């Protein structure tokens, strides 16, 4: 439900954040500058969507205001750039990003922008991607809490649509298409009629090829971490613009049809792996790479994937079918052999294998994730050396045999493991 723009918008923030924003507003006024919160935080406040990212824009020297603020709260200024951006860490409201108002121009389609600092707030808002992200709330003096909405972002929120600010927006920065997809999926919005026309023209002209794979990967990674990632992927495939970059970036009909199942698998593994242990971005990139045997290396290089994500993706492209075949030869009671096959795989690869497997093999993977992977010998290599087992491969072989026995339900105690180790290594008491 969209809230009234006449309300004091910053009042929906936690009290501590509101208090700190008022402090920043006062500090800016003392410097004869104006302060605003801008962009996504304003959008989300107006629709009641949770957002704790505090982005402050200053008409003037943002770094100077940030330093004043950090000094007043015992925080520290980090990441100062030549564009007048920085962040303050260690204050009562957590991390707050500061930026000076600026304008941006593009020397050619897809180029990184040329930045000119110290613009007025309207010019700063004009450089943004969508009208819903081009709103600001004043923090200074009598303007405190007032909504600044020069491009009718409020109207777009009420209409549930996304509108770019000028016809060349997507050509200037095609990553705005991917950002639009992310917002459309998250909020259930649609692209406005004119904006959709600009988007279609950009896709027809293969404008995505004007940007680097690194930028594409970053925006896709943000989409893959969204709650409604399946909705976003369907929208991307419907538009067809990923295929204008590389045909292998597209999703075939079978993948699109099974997106819901893939999403459920990801969430299940997130629960099994434990909080913070499952990487949704690596999983969805791996999902995208499934079946891309011939193009996988080239695509991974183009996207500039990090080491872990690349490992998951190349495995999904070339080895997942063999892994599924090997797993199908096992029986549900083959705990040790299943553990041997599965323990070296990242959780994201295991999730993709689960997705690609039949019901019986899924049962084996579930047992591994929920029981077998946590079973470990109670004794260590040091214990074996103390028994007289020489350092080297022999230690590993004995520990592996102990694990095999434990997975079979034997050797429940440390004492029983030590006794087994003595017999296995031929150590006399």
Protein backbone atom coordinates (compact mmCIF):
# COMPACT_ATOMS: atom_id res chain seq x y z
CA UNK A 1 0.00 0.00 0.00
CA UNK A 2 1.51 3.32 -1.08
CA UNK A 3 1.66 5.99 1.60
CA UNK A 4 0.73 9.64 1.17
CA UNK A 5 3.62 11.78 -0.12
CA UNK A 6 2.51 14.58 2.19
CA UNK A 7 3.54 12.47 5.20
CA UNK A 8 6.92 13.14 6.80
CA UNK A 9 8.60 10.41 4.76
CA UNK A 10 11.60 9.85 7.00
CA UNK A 11 9.28 8.99 9.91
CA UNK A 12 8.95 5.41 8.60
CA UNK A 13 12.65 4.81 9.30
CA UNK A 14 13.77 3.34 12.62
CA UNK A 15 14.02 6.04 15.28
CA UNK A 16 17.81 5.82 15.50
CA UNK A 17 18.16 6.34 11.73
CA UNK A 18 15.78 9.30 11.81
CA UNK A 19 17.77 10.87 14.64
CA UNK A 20 21.04 10.50 12.71
CA UNK A 21 19.54 11.92 9.50
CA UNK A 22 18.38 14.98 11.43
CA UNK A 23 21.93 15.34 12.76
CA UNK A 24 23.32 15.19 9.20
CA UNK A 25 20.77 17.76 8.09
CA UNK A 26 21.87 20.15 10.84
CA UNK A 27 25.55 19.67 9.99
CA UNK A 28 24.89 20.37 6.33
CA UNK A 29 22.93 23.52 7.17
CA UNK A 30 25.81 24.77 9.32
CA UNK A 31 27.99 24.46 6.21
CA UNK A 32 25.32 26.24 4.13
CA UNK A 33 24.66 23.06 2.19
CA UNK A 34 21.51 21.02 1.65
CA UNK A 35 21.18 17.31 2.47
CA UNK A 36 18.75 14.73 1.09
CA UNK A 37 18.11 11.02 1.24
CA UNK A 38 17.70 9.79 -2.31
CA UNK A 39 16.88 6.90 -4.58
CA UNK A 40 15.89 3.43 -3.48
CA UNK A 41 15.45 4.24 0.20
CA UNK A 42 12.86 6.90 -0.68
CA UNK A 43 11.05 4.55 -3.06
CA UNK A 44 10.90 1.80 -0.48
CA UNK A 45 9.82 4.09 2.34
CA UNK A 46 6.87 5.30 0.27
CA UNK A 47 5.61 1.80 -0.47
CA UNK A 48 6.47 0.38 2.96
CA UNK A 49 9.12 -2.02 1.63
CA UNK A 50 11.94 -2.84 4.08
CA UNK A 51 15.22 -1.10 3.23
CA UNK A 52 17.99 -0.19 5.65
CA UNK A 53 20.43 1.35 3.12
CA UNK A 54 20.92 5.01 3.98
CA UNK A 55 22.10 7.06 0.99
CA UNK A 56 22.65 10.76 1.69
CA UNK A 57 23.25 13.25 -1.11
CA UNK A 58 24.69 16.68 -0.40
CA UNK A 59 24.37 19.79 -2.55
CA UNK A 60 27.98 20.72 -1.91
CA UNK A 61 30.94 18.88 -0.37
CA UNK A 62 29.64 15.51 0.80
CA UNK A 63 33.01 14.36 2.12
CA UNK A 64 33.25 17.43 4.35
CA UNK A 65 29.80 16.78 5.81
CA UNK A 66 30.62 13.09 6.22
CA UNK A 67 33.77 13.95 8.18
CA UNK A 68 31.82 16.33 10.40
CA UNK A 69 29.24 13.64 11.02
CA UNK A 70 31.82 10.91 11.68
CA UNK A 71 33.57 13.16 14.21
CA UNK A 72 30.29 13.89 16.00
CA UNK A 73 29.37 10.20 16.42
CA UNK A 74 32.80 8.61 16.82
CA UNK A 75 32.65 6.94 13.41
CA UNK A 76 35.17 6.81 10.57
CA UNK A 77 35.10 7.91 6.93
CA UNK A 78 35.94 5.20 4.38
CA UNK A 79 36.25 4.91 0.63
CA UNK A 80 36.63 8.56 -0.39
CA UNK A 81 36.59 8.93 -4.19
CA UNK A 82 37.34 11.77 -6.56
CA UNK A 83 33.61 11.89 -7.36
CA UNK A 84 32.81 13.13 -3.87
CA UNK A 85 31.48 9.84 -2.49
CA UNK A 86 32.37 8.05 0.73
CA UNK A 87 30.78 6.19 3.60
CA UNK A 88 30.73 6.60 7.36
CA UNK A 89 31.08 3.45 9.45
CA UNK A 90 30.78 2.96 13.18
CA UNK A 91 27.97 5.41 13.85
CA UNK A 92 24.71 4.65 15.71
CA UNK A 93 22.80 3.99 12.46
CA UNK A 94 25.41 1.70 10.93
CA UNK A 95 26.88 2.43 7.51
CA UNK A 96 25.70 5.61 5.78
CA UNK A 97 26.73 6.40 2.19
CA UNK A 98 27.43 10.03 1.29
CA UNK A 99 27.64 11.53 -2.20
CA UNK A 100 27.87 15.01 -3.66
CA UNK A 101 25.25 15.88 -6.25
CA UNK A 102 26.57 15.38 -9.77
CA UNK A 103 25.63 15.09 -13.42
CA UNK A 104 26.65 12.37 -15.86
CA UNK A 105 27.09 12.29 -19.64
CA UNK A 106 27.92 9.38 -21.94
CA UNK A 107 30.51 9.68 -24.72
CA UNK A 108 29.00 6.68 -26.52
CA UNK A 109 26.31 4.04 -25.88
CA UNK A 110 27.32 1.66 -23.11
CA UNK A 111 30.32 3.70 -21.99
CA UNK A 112 30.91 4.44 -18.34
CA UNK A 113 29.63 7.95 -17.58
CA UNK A 114 31.69 11.12 -17.49
CA UNK A 115 30.94 12.63 -14.09
CA UNK A 116 30.70 16.34 -13.32
CA UNK A 117 30.42 17.11 -9.60
CA UNK A 118 28.55 19.75 -7.64
CA UNK A 119 25.27 19.89 -9.56
CA UNK A 120 21.94 20.91 -8.06
CA UNK A 121 19.69 18.17 -6.66
CA UNK A 122 17.30 18.20 -9.65
CA UNK A 123 20.18 17.64 -12.08
CA UNK A 124 21.45 14.85 -9.85
CA UNK A 125 18.07 13.11 -9.86
CA UNK A 126 17.84 13.53 -13.63
CA UNK A 127 20.82 11.18 -14.18
CA UNK A 128 19.10 8.23 -12.51
CA UNK A 129 17.58 5.16 -14.12
CA UNK A 130 13.85 5.21 -13.37
CA UNK A 131 11.45 7.83 -12.08
CA UNK A 132 10.72 5.73 -8.98
CA UNK A 133 14.42 6.02 -8.10
CA UNK A 134 14.61 9.75 -8.88
CA UNK A 135 12.95 11.05 -5.73
CA UNK A 136 14.52 12.68 -2.71
CA UNK A 137 13.49 13.69 0.80
CA UNK A 138 14.93 16.87 2.32
CA UNK A 139 16.90 16.72 5.56
CA UNK A 140 17.79 20.40 5.98
CA UNK A 141 15.87 23.12 7.80
CA UNK A 142 12.29 23.77 6.74
CA UNK A 143 12.67 21.23 3.90
CA UNK A 144 13.04 18.36 6.39
CA UNK A 145 10.74 15.50 5.43
CA UNK A 146 9.56 17.11 2.18
CA UNK A 147 9.33 14.85 -0.86
CA UNK A 148 11.08 16.11 -4.01
CA UNK A 149 9.62 14.34 -7.04
CA UNK A 150 10.42 16.15 -10.30
CA UNK A 151 9.74 13.17 -12.60
CA UNK A 152 6.48 11.82 -11.13
CA UNK A 153 8.06 8.81 -9.46
CA UNK A 154 5.17 8.94 -6.98
CA UNK A 155 2.72 8.55 -9.87
CA UNK A 156 4.65 5.53 -11.16
CA UNK A 157 4.50 3.95 -7.72
CA UNK A 158 0.73 4.33 -7.73
CA UNK A 159 0.50 2.96 -11.28
CA UNK A 160 2.93 0.11 -10.54
CA UNK A 161 5.17 0.92 -13.47
CA UNK A 162 8.76 1.77 -14.35
CA UNK A 163 9.55 4.77 -16.55
CA UNK A 164 12.95 5.92 -17.76
CA UNK A 165 13.70 9.63 -17.65
CA UNK A 166 14.61 10.11 -21.32
CA UNK A 167 14.47 8.12 -24.61
CA UNK A 168 18.23 7.37 -24.74
CA UNK A 169 18.40 5.99 -21.20
CA UNK A 170 18.82 2.32 -22.16
CA UNK A 171 21.25 3.11 -24.98
CA UNK A 172 23.39 5.18 -22.63
CA UNK A 173 23.49 2.43 -20.02
CA UNK A 174 21.98 -0.95 -21.05
CA UNK A 175 22.49 -2.31 -17.51
CA UNK A 176 19.38 -0.29 -16.68
CA UNK A 177 17.40 -3.02 -18.46
CA UNK A 178 18.67 -5.58 -15.98
CA UNK A 179 17.99 -3.24 -13.09
CA UNK A 180 14.49 -2.72 -14.42
CA UNK A 181 13.95 -6.47 -14.54
CA UNK A 182 15.10 -6.73 -10.92
CA UNK A 183 12.70 -4.01 -9.77
CA UNK A 184 9.83 -5.37 -11.89
CA UNK A 185 10.21 -8.82 -10.32
CA UNK A 186 10.67 -7.52 -6.79
CA UNK A 187 7.68 -5.17 -6.73
CA UNK A 188 5.43 -6.75 -9.36
CA UNK A 189 5.75 -3.66 -11.57
CA UNK A 190 5.61 -3.44 -15.35
CA UNK A 191 7.51 -1.25 -17.80
CA UNK A 192 5.53 1.79 -18.95
CA UNK A 193 4.39 1.85 -22.57
CA UNK A 194 7.01 4.31 -23.82
CA UNK A 195 9.74 2.76 -21.68
CA UNK A 196 8.93 -0.68 -23.09
CA UNK A 197 9.27 0.74 -26.60
CA UNK A 198 12.71 2.16 -25.77
CA UNK A 199 13.67 -1.20 -24.26
CA UNK A 200 12.55 -3.19 -27.32
CA UNK A 201 14.48 -0.83 -29.60
CA UNK A 202 17.59 -1.27 -27.46
CA UNK A 203 17.28 -5.07 -27.61
CA UNK A 204 16.74 -5.00 -31.39
CA UNK A 205 19.93 -2.95 -31.76
CA UNK A 206 21.89 -5.42 -29.57
CA UNK A 207 22.80 -2.60 -27.20
CA UNK A 208 23.82 -5.09 -24.49
CA UNK A 209 26.91 -5.82 -26.57
CA UNK A 210 28.18 -2.32 -25.84
CA UNK A 211 28.89 -3.14 -22.18
CA UNK A 212 31.45 -5.43 -20.61
CA UNK A 213 30.69 -8.93 -19.41
CA UNK A 214 31.82 -7.87 -15.95
CA UNK A 215 28.99 -5.34 -15.77
CA UNK A 216 26.49 -7.90 -17.07
CA UNK A 217 27.66 -10.39 -14.44
CA UNK A 218 27.28 -7.85 -11.65
CA UNK A 219 23.69 -7.03 -12.59
CA UNK A 220 22.77 -10.68 -13.12
CA UNK A 221 24.29 -11.48 -9.73
CA UNK A 222 22.00 -8.92 -8.09
CA UNK A 223 19.00 -10.48 -9.86
CA UNK A 224 20.05 -13.97 -8.74
CA UNK A 225 20.00 -12.85 -5.11
CA UNK A 226 16.42 -11.56 -5.35
CA UNK A 227 13.54 -13.27 -3.56
CA UNK A 228 11.56 -13.55 -6.83
CA UNK A 229 14.44 -14.65 -9.02
CA UNK A 230 12.31 -17.06 -11.06
CA UNK A 231 9.97 -14.21 -12.03
CA UNK A 232 12.97 -12.13 -13.12
CA UNK A 233 14.44 -14.94 -15.22
CA UNK A 234 11.12 -15.51 -16.98
CA UNK A 235 10.95 -11.81 -17.76
CA UNK A 236 14.50 -11.77 -19.11
CA UNK A 237 13.81 -14.76 -21.32
CA UNK A 238 10.55 -13.26 -22.58
CA UNK A 239 12.38 -10.09 -23.61
CA UNK A 240 15.15 -12.10 -25.22
CA UNK A 241 17.85 -9.53 -24.61
CA UNK A 242 20.36 -11.90 -23.00
CA UNK A 243 20.61 -13.76 -26.29
CA UNK A 244 21.69 -10.54 -27.98
CA UNK A 245 24.92 -10.78 -25.96
CA UNK A 246 25.58 -14.49 -26.37
CA UNK A 247 23.17 -17.19 -27.51
CA UNK A 248 24.38 -19.36 -24.62
CA UNK A 249 23.11 -16.80 -22.10
CA UNK A 250 19.53 -17.65 -23.00
CA UNK A 251 17.37 -20.16 -21.14
CA UNK A 252 15.80 -22.97 -23.16
CA UNK A 253 12.12 -23.85 -22.83
CA UNK A 254 12.77 -26.75 -20.45
CA UNK A 255 14.74 -24.54 -18.06
CA UNK A 256 12.08 -21.84 -18.12
CA UNK A 257 9.35 -24.42 -17.44
CA UNK A 258 11.27 -25.78 -14.42
CA UNK A 259 12.26 -22.47 -12.87
CA UNK A 260 9.84 -22.92 -9.99
CA UNK A 261 11.34 -26.31 -9.16
CA UNK A 262 14.87 -24.90 -9.37
CA UNK A 263 13.90 -22.10 -7.00
CA UNK A 264 12.46 -24.56 -4.47
CA UNK A 265 15.65 -26.63 -4.61
CA UNK A 266 17.77 -23.56 -3.91
CA UNK A 267 15.73 -22.64 -0.86
CA UNK A 268 15.78 -26.22 0.43
CA UNK A 269 19.57 -26.36 0.19
CA UNK A 270 19.89 -22.97 1.84
CA UNK A 271 18.13 -24.52 4.84
CA UNK A 272 20.23 -27.68 4.78
CA UNK A 273 23.57 -25.89 4.33
CA UNK A 274 22.97 -23.44 7.15
CA UNK A 275 22.59 -19.70 7.39
CA UNK A 276 24.93 -17.81 5.09
CA UNK A 277 26.53 -20.96 3.67
CA UNK A 278 24.58 -21.18 0.40
CA UNK A 279 25.44 -18.81 -2.46
CA UNK A 280 22.32 -18.14 -4.54
CA UNK A 281 24.32 -16.22 -7.11
CA UNK A 282 26.67 -19.16 -7.78
CA UNK A 283 23.69 -21.54 -7.91
CA UNK A 284 21.75 -19.54 -10.51
CA UNK A 285 24.81 -18.91 -12.65
CA UNK A 286 25.39 -22.68 -12.51
CA UNK A 287 21.77 -23.23 -13.52
CA UNK A 288 22.36 -20.94 -16.48
CA UNK A 289 25.46 -22.95 -17.48
CA UNK A 290 23.74 -26.36 -17.42
CA UNK A 291 23.90 -27.78 -20.95
CA UNK A 292 26.42 -25.18 -22.17
CA UNK A 293 29.27 -27.65 -22.75
CA UNK A 294 30.87 -26.05 -25.80
CA UNK A 295 30.45 -22.41 -24.77
CA UNK A 296 31.09 -22.72 -21.03
CA UNK A 297 34.74 -21.68 -20.86
CA UNK A 298 34.22 -18.75 -23.20
CA UNK A 299 31.12 -17.60 -21.33
CA UNK A 300 32.84 -17.86 -17.94
CA UNK A 301 35.73 -15.76 -19.26
CA UNK A 302 33.36 -13.16 -20.70
CA UNK A 303 31.43 -12.83 -17.43
CA UNK A 304 34.65 -12.63 -15.39
CA UNK A 305 33.27 -15.05 -12.81
CA UNK A 306 34.94 -15.39 -9.42
CA UNK A 307 36.76 -18.64 -8.70
CA UNK A 308 33.99 -20.39 -6.78
CA UNK A 309 31.22 -19.42 -9.19
CA UNK A 310 33.35 -20.45 -12.16
CA UNK A 311 33.99 -23.84 -10.54
CA UNK A 312 30.25 -24.40 -10.01
CA UNK A 313 29.42 -23.25 -13.54
CA UNK A 314 32.01 -25.33 -15.40
CA UNK A 315 31.08 -28.40 -13.35
CA UNK A 316 27.40 -27.84 -14.18
CA UNK A 317 28.25 -27.48 -17.85
CA UNK A 318 30.42 -30.56 -18.28
CA UNK A 319 30.26 -32.93 -15.32
CA UNK A 320 26.76 -32.91 -13.85
CA UNK A 321 25.41 -35.64 -16.13
CA UNK A 322 28.27 -37.99 -15.24
CA UNK A 323 27.80 -37.22 -11.53
CA UNK A 324 24.09 -37.99 -11.81
CA UNK A 325 24.89 -41.24 -13.59
CA UNK A 326 27.37 -42.31 -10.93
CA UNK A 327 24.87 -41.53 -8.22
CA UNK A 328 22.17 -43.58 -9.95
CA UNK A 329 24.32 -46.71 -9.56
CA UNK A 330 24.22 -46.45 -5.77
CA UNK A 331 21.71 -47.86 -3.35
CA UNK A 332 20.21 -45.72 -0.58
CA UNK A 333 22.28 -47.62 2.01
CA UNK A 334 25.60 -46.85 0.26
CA UNK A 335 26.40 -44.03 2.65
CA UNK A 336 30.17 -44.21 2.39
CA UNK A 337 30.34 -44.33 -1.40
CA UNK A 338 27.79 -41.52 -1.69
CA UNK A 339 29.77 -39.43 0.79
CA UNK A 340 32.95 -40.10 -1.13
CA UNK A 341 31.33 -38.88 -4.35
CA UNK A 342 29.56 -35.86 -2.89
CA UNK A 343 31.78 -34.43 -0.15
CA UNK A 344 34.11 -32.51 -2.48
CA UNK A 345 31.29 -30.63 -4.23
CA UNK A 346 30.21 -27.13 -3.18
CA UNK A 347 26.67 -26.88 -1.82
CA UNK A 348 25.59 -25.05 -4.97
CA UNK A 349 26.80 -27.91 -7.18
CA UNK A 350 25.03 -30.40 -4.93
CA UNK A 351 21.83 -28.40 -5.29
CA UNK A 352 22.13 -28.45 -9.08
CA UNK A 353 22.80 -32.20 -8.95
CA UNK A 354 19.69 -32.64 -6.79
CA UNK A 355 17.69 -30.61 -9.31
CA UNK A 356 18.97 -32.76 -12.21
CA UNK A 357 18.46 -36.12 -10.47
CA UNK A 358 15.58 -38.57 -10.18
CA UNK A 359 13.67 -39.17 -6.95
CA UNK A 360 15.82 -42.02 -5.60
CA UNK A 361 19.08 -40.13 -6.19
CA UNK A 362 17.55 -37.07 -4.58
CA UNK A 363 16.95 -39.18 -1.49
CA UNK A 364 20.65 -40.06 -1.36
CA UNK A 365 21.67 -36.40 -1.66
CA UNK A 366 19.21 -35.45 1.05
CA UNK A 367 20.68 -38.08 3.39
CA UNK A 368 24.14 -36.74 2.68
CA UNK A 369 23.12 -33.14 3.38
CA UNK A 370 21.05 -33.85 6.47
CA UNK A 371 23.05 -36.69 8.10
CA UNK A 372 26.10 -38.17 6.45
CA UNK A 373 28.15 -35.02 5.83
CA UNK A 374 28.22 -34.24 9.56
CA UNK A 375 29.63 -37.65 10.52
CA UNK A 376 33.37 -37.45 11.22
CA UNK A 377 35.92 -39.62 13.03
CA UNK A 378 36.33 -38.57 16.65
CA UNK A 379 40.06 -39.25 16.54
CA UNK A 380 42.59 -37.27 14.50
CA UNK A 381 45.82 -37.80 12.62
CA UNK A 382 47.70 -36.82 15.78
CA UNK A 383 46.00 -39.65 17.66
CA UNK A 384 47.08 -42.11 14.97
CA UNK A 385 50.66 -40.88 15.06
CA UNK A 386 50.61 -41.29 18.82
CA UNK A 387 49.63 -44.93 18.24
CA UNK A 388 52.66 -45.37 15.99
CA UNK A 389 51.10 -44.88 12.55
CA UNK A 390 53.67 -43.15 10.33
CA UNK A 391 52.83 -39.78 8.82
CA UNK A 392 51.68 -39.88 5.22
CA UNK A 393 49.06 -41.77 3.19
CA UNK A 394 48.61 -44.42 5.89
CA UNK A 395 47.01 -41.88 8.24
CA UNK A 396 44.50 -40.86 5.60
CA UNK A 397 43.65 -44.47 4.75
CA UNK A 398 42.94 -45.37 8.37
CA UNK A 399 40.77 -42.29 8.94
CA UNK A 400 38.88 -43.07 5.76
CA UNK A 401 38.24 -46.64 6.91
CA UNK A 402 36.98 -45.30 10.25
CA UNK A 403 34.60 -42.97 8.40
CA UNK A 404 33.33 -45.90 6.32
CA UNK A 405 32.58 -47.85 9.50
CA UNK A 406 30.87 -44.90 11.19
CA UNK A 407 28.64 -44.29 8.16
CA UNK A 408 27.64 -47.93 8.44
CA UNK A 409 26.54 -47.31 12.04
CA UNK A 410 29.60 -48.73 13.75
CA UNK A 411 32.34 -47.26 15.99
CA UNK A 412 30.11 -44.99 18.08
CA UNK A 413 32.82 -43.95 20.57
CA UNK A 414 36.35 -42.61 20.52
CA UNK A 415 37.53 -45.75 22.29
CA UNK A 416 36.06 -48.00 19.62
CA UNK A 417 37.68 -45.88 16.91
CA UNK A 418 41.10 -46.19 18.56
CA UNK A 419 40.72 -49.96 18.86
CA UNK A 420 39.72 -50.22 15.19
CA UNK A 421 42.61 -47.97 14.16
CA UNK A 422 45.09 -50.24 15.96
CA UNK A 423 43.78 -53.30 14.17
CA UNK A 424 43.62 -51.53 10.81
CA UNK A 425 47.19 -50.20 11.09
CA UNK A 426 48.58 -53.40 12.56
CA UNK A 427 49.69 -51.64 15.72
CA UNK A 428 50.45 -53.85 18.70
CA UNK A 429 49.23 -52.77 22.13
